Amino acid sequence: MVDEVSNMIVYVDVDDTLVRWAGSKCIPRTLIIERIKERAIKGDRLFLWSRAGGEQAREVAEELGISKIFEAFLPKPDLLIDDEPISEWSFCAHEYPR
């Protein structure tokens, strides 16, 4: 876990991370939302992305009342172009929401 480090750049996914869906009903994942709020208080820079697009990410955040803690709302990328493989990004961690 990377809890001790503050002022991190954090990308948060919408579907099945921030919320779950039952048909068209959005079910917030409260523990994850609280964890994200804690990160914002620590000074982390938060970005929300969704496979359905940036506008969908913004709408979900607004519905949850947390849109102000995110710097931007983005579509989830299809491709990353970088000179370094992700496997060599020692500065970047993946956190699986429980």
C-alpha atoms as a PDB file:
ATOM      1  CA  MET A   1       0.000   0.000   0.000  1.00  0.00           C
ATOM      2  CA  VAL A   2       1.052   3.557  -0.642  1.00  0.00           C
ATOM      3  CA  ASP A   3      -0.890   5.224   2.178  1.00  0.00           C
ATOM      4  CA  GLU A   4       2.007   7.077   3.792  1.00  0.00           C
ATOM      5  CA  VAL A   5       2.841   9.150   0.727  1.00  0.00           C
ATOM      6  CA  SER A   6       0.853  12.329   0.177  1.00  0.00           C
ATOM      7  CA  ASN A   7       0.543  14.643  -2.816  1.00  0.00           C
ATOM      8  CA  MET A   8       0.238  11.708  -5.159  1.00  0.00           C
ATOM      9  CA  ILE A   9      -1.383  11.801  -8.583  1.00  0.00           C
ATOM     10  CA  VAL A  10      -4.293   9.348  -8.295  1.00  0.00           C
ATOM     11  CA  TYR A  11      -6.498   8.125 -11.144  1.00  0.00           C
ATOM     12  CA  VAL A  12      -9.761   6.589  -9.961  1.00  0.00           C
ATOM     13  CA  ASP A  13     -12.008   4.413 -12.096  1.00  0.00           C
ATOM     14  CA  VAL A  14     -15.803   4.785 -11.955  1.00  0.00           C
ATOM     15  CA  ASP A  15     -17.385   1.433 -12.828  1.00  0.00           C
ATOM     16  CA  ASP A  16     -16.981  -1.339 -10.252  1.00  0.00           C
ATOM     17  CA  THR A  17     -14.475   0.792  -8.337  1.00  0.00           C
ATOM     18  CA  LEU A  18     -16.290   3.955  -7.256  1.00  0.00           C
ATOM     19  CA  VAL A  19     -19.782   2.627  -7.939  1.00  0.00           C
ATOM     20  CA  ARG A  20     -21.493  -0.583  -8.939  1.00  0.00           C
ATOM     21  CA  TRP A  21     -24.508  -0.794 -11.214  1.00  0.00           C
ATOM     22  CA  ALA A  22     -27.719  -2.770 -10.833  1.00  0.00           C
ATOM     23  CA  GLY A  23     -29.395  -2.097 -14.152  1.00  0.00           C
ATOM     24  CA  SER A  24     -29.576   1.692 -14.307  1.00  0.00           C
ATOM     25  CA  LYS A  25     -29.282   2.100 -10.513  1.00  0.00           C
ATOM     26  CA  CYS A  26     -25.954   3.452  -9.304  1.00  0.00           C
ATOM     27  CA  ILE A  27     -24.774   1.913  -6.009  1.00  0.00           C
ATOM     28  CA  PRO A  28     -21.960   3.876  -4.310  1.00  0.00           C
ATOM     29  CA  ARG A  29     -19.025   1.957  -2.862  1.00  0.00           C
ATOM     30  CA  THR A  30     -18.926   3.892   0.386  1.00  0.00           C
ATOM     31  CA  LEU A  31     -15.604   2.612   1.714  1.00  0.00           C
ATOM     32  CA  ILE A  32     -13.832   3.503  -1.531  1.00  0.00           C
ATOM     33  CA  ILE A  33     -15.481   6.938  -1.590  1.00  0.00           C
ATOM     34  CA  GLU A  34     -14.319   7.596   1.990  1.00  0.00           C
ATOM     35  CA  ARG A  35     -10.792   6.488   1.079  1.00  0.00           C
ATOM     36  CA  ILE A  36     -10.779   8.860  -1.897  1.00  0.00           C
ATOM     37  CA  LYS A  37     -12.006  11.735   0.297  1.00  0.00           C
ATOM     38  CA  GLU A  38      -9.164  10.999   2.731  1.00  0.00           C
ATOM     39  CA  ARG A  39      -6.698  11.201  -0.136  1.00  0.00           C
ATOM     40  CA  ALA A  40      -8.106  14.583  -1.147  1.00  0.00           C
ATOM     41  CA  ILE A  41      -7.697  15.853   2.432  1.00  0.00           C
ATOM     42  CA  LYS A  42      -4.056  14.656   2.389  1.00  0.00           C
ATOM     43  CA  GLY A  43      -3.471  16.753  -0.711  1.00  0.00           C
ATOM     44  CA  ASP A  44      -3.439  14.058  -3.367  1.00  0.00           C
ATOM     45  CA  ARG A  45      -4.415  15.191  -6.866  1.00  0.00           C
ATOM     46  CA  LEU A  46      -7.409  13.136  -7.973  1.00  0.00           C
ATOM     47  CA  PHE A  47      -8.608  12.384 -11.493  1.00  0.00           C
ATOM     48  CA  LEU A  48     -11.722  10.359 -12.278  1.00  0.00           C
ATOM     49  CA  TRP A  49     -12.013   8.297 -15.431  1.00  0.00           C
ATOM     50  CA  SER A  50     -14.595   6.049 -16.979  1.00  0.00           C
ATOM     51  CA  ARG A  51     -14.737   3.697 -19.925  1.00  0.00           C
ATOM     52  CA  ALA A  52     -18.009   5.477 -20.762  1.00  0.00           C
ATOM     53  CA  GLY A  53     -16.167   8.807 -21.032  1.00  0.00           C
ATOM     54  CA  GLY A  54     -15.282  11.905 -19.074  1.00  0.00           C
ATOM     55  CA  GLU A  55     -18.820  13.268 -18.999  1.00  0.00           C
ATOM     56  CA  GLN A  56     -20.088  10.032 -17.456  1.00  0.00           C
ATOM     57  CA  ALA A  57     -17.344  10.260 -14.824  1.00  0.00           C
ATOM     58  CA  ARG A  58     -18.365  13.847 -14.023  1.00  0.00           C
ATOM     59  CA  GLU A  59     -22.063  12.918 -13.780  1.00  0.00           C
ATOM     60  CA  VAL A  60     -21.368  10.079 -11.345  1.00  0.00           C
ATOM     61  CA  ALA A  61     -19.131  12.299  -9.187  1.00  0.00           C
ATOM     62  CA  GLU A  62     -21.786  15.024  -9.148  1.00  0.00           C
ATOM     63  CA  GLU A  63     -24.466  12.494  -8.203  1.00  0.00           C
ATOM     64  CA  LEU A  64     -22.255  11.326  -5.324  1.00  0.00           C
ATOM     65  CA  GLY A  65     -21.530  14.910  -4.246  1.00  0.00           C
ATOM     66  CA  ILE A  66     -17.756  14.534  -4.678  1.00  0.00           C
ATOM     67  CA  SER A  67     -17.075  16.248  -8.002  1.00  0.00           C
ATOM     68  CA  LYS A  68     -15.122  19.096  -6.355  1.00  0.00           C
ATOM     69  CA  ILE A  69     -12.370  16.791  -5.123  1.00  0.00           C
ATOM     70  CA  PHE A  70     -11.390  15.809  -8.690  1.00  0.00           C
ATOM     71  CA  GLU A  71      -9.205  17.958 -10.919  1.00  0.00           C
ATOM     72  CA  ALA A  72     -10.502  16.448 -14.142  1.00  0.00           C
ATOM     73  CA  PHE A  73     -12.858  13.851 -15.591  1.00  0.00           C
ATOM     74  CA  LEU A  74     -11.390  11.708 -18.328  1.00  0.00           C
ATOM     75  CA  PRO A  75     -12.220   8.832 -20.623  1.00  0.00           C
ATOM     76  CA  LYS A  76     -10.291   5.684 -19.737  1.00  0.00           C
ATOM     77  CA  PRO A  77      -7.438   5.340 -22.226  1.00  0.00           C
ATOM     78  CA  ASP A  78      -7.256   2.679 -24.904  1.00  0.00           C
ATOM     79  CA  LEU A  79      -3.528   3.074 -25.360  1.00  0.00           C
ATOM     80  CA  LEU A  80      -0.617   4.455 -23.332  1.00  0.00           C
ATOM     81  CA  ILE A  81       2.389   5.671 -25.277  1.00  0.00           C
ATOM     82  CA  ASP A  82       5.505   5.982 -23.177  1.00  0.00           C
ATOM     83  CA  ASP A  83       9.189   5.225 -23.598  1.00  0.00           C
ATOM     84  CA  GLU A  84       9.102   3.039 -20.493  1.00  0.00           C
ATOM     85  CA  PRO A  85       6.992  -0.125 -20.053  1.00  0.00           C
ATOM     86  CA  ILE A  86       4.405   0.090 -17.267  1.00  0.00           C
ATOM     87  CA  SER A  87       6.089  -2.892 -15.631  1.00  0.00           C
ATOM     88  CA  GLU A  88       9.113  -0.628 -15.017  1.00  0.00           C
ATOM     89  CA  TRP A  89       7.120   2.215 -13.426  1.00  0.00           C
ATOM     90  CA  SER A  90       8.542   1.818  -9.930  1.00  0.00           C
ATOM     91  CA  PHE A  91       6.871   5.107  -8.962  1.00  0.00           C
ATOM     92  CA  CYS A  92       3.369   3.863  -9.805  1.00  0.00           C
ATOM     93  CA  ALA A  93       1.273   1.433  -7.768  1.00  0.00           C
ATOM     94  CA  HIS A  94      -2.016  -0.329  -8.390  1.00  0.00           C
ATOM     95  CA  GLU A  95      -4.500  -0.464  -5.535  1.00  0.00           C
ATOM     96  CA  TYR A  96      -7.312  -2.983  -5.859  1.00  0.00           C
ATOM     97  CA  PRO A  97     -10.545  -1.805  -4.211  1.00  0.00           C
ATOM     98  CA  ARG A  98     -11.795  -4.303  -1.687  1.00  0.00           C
END
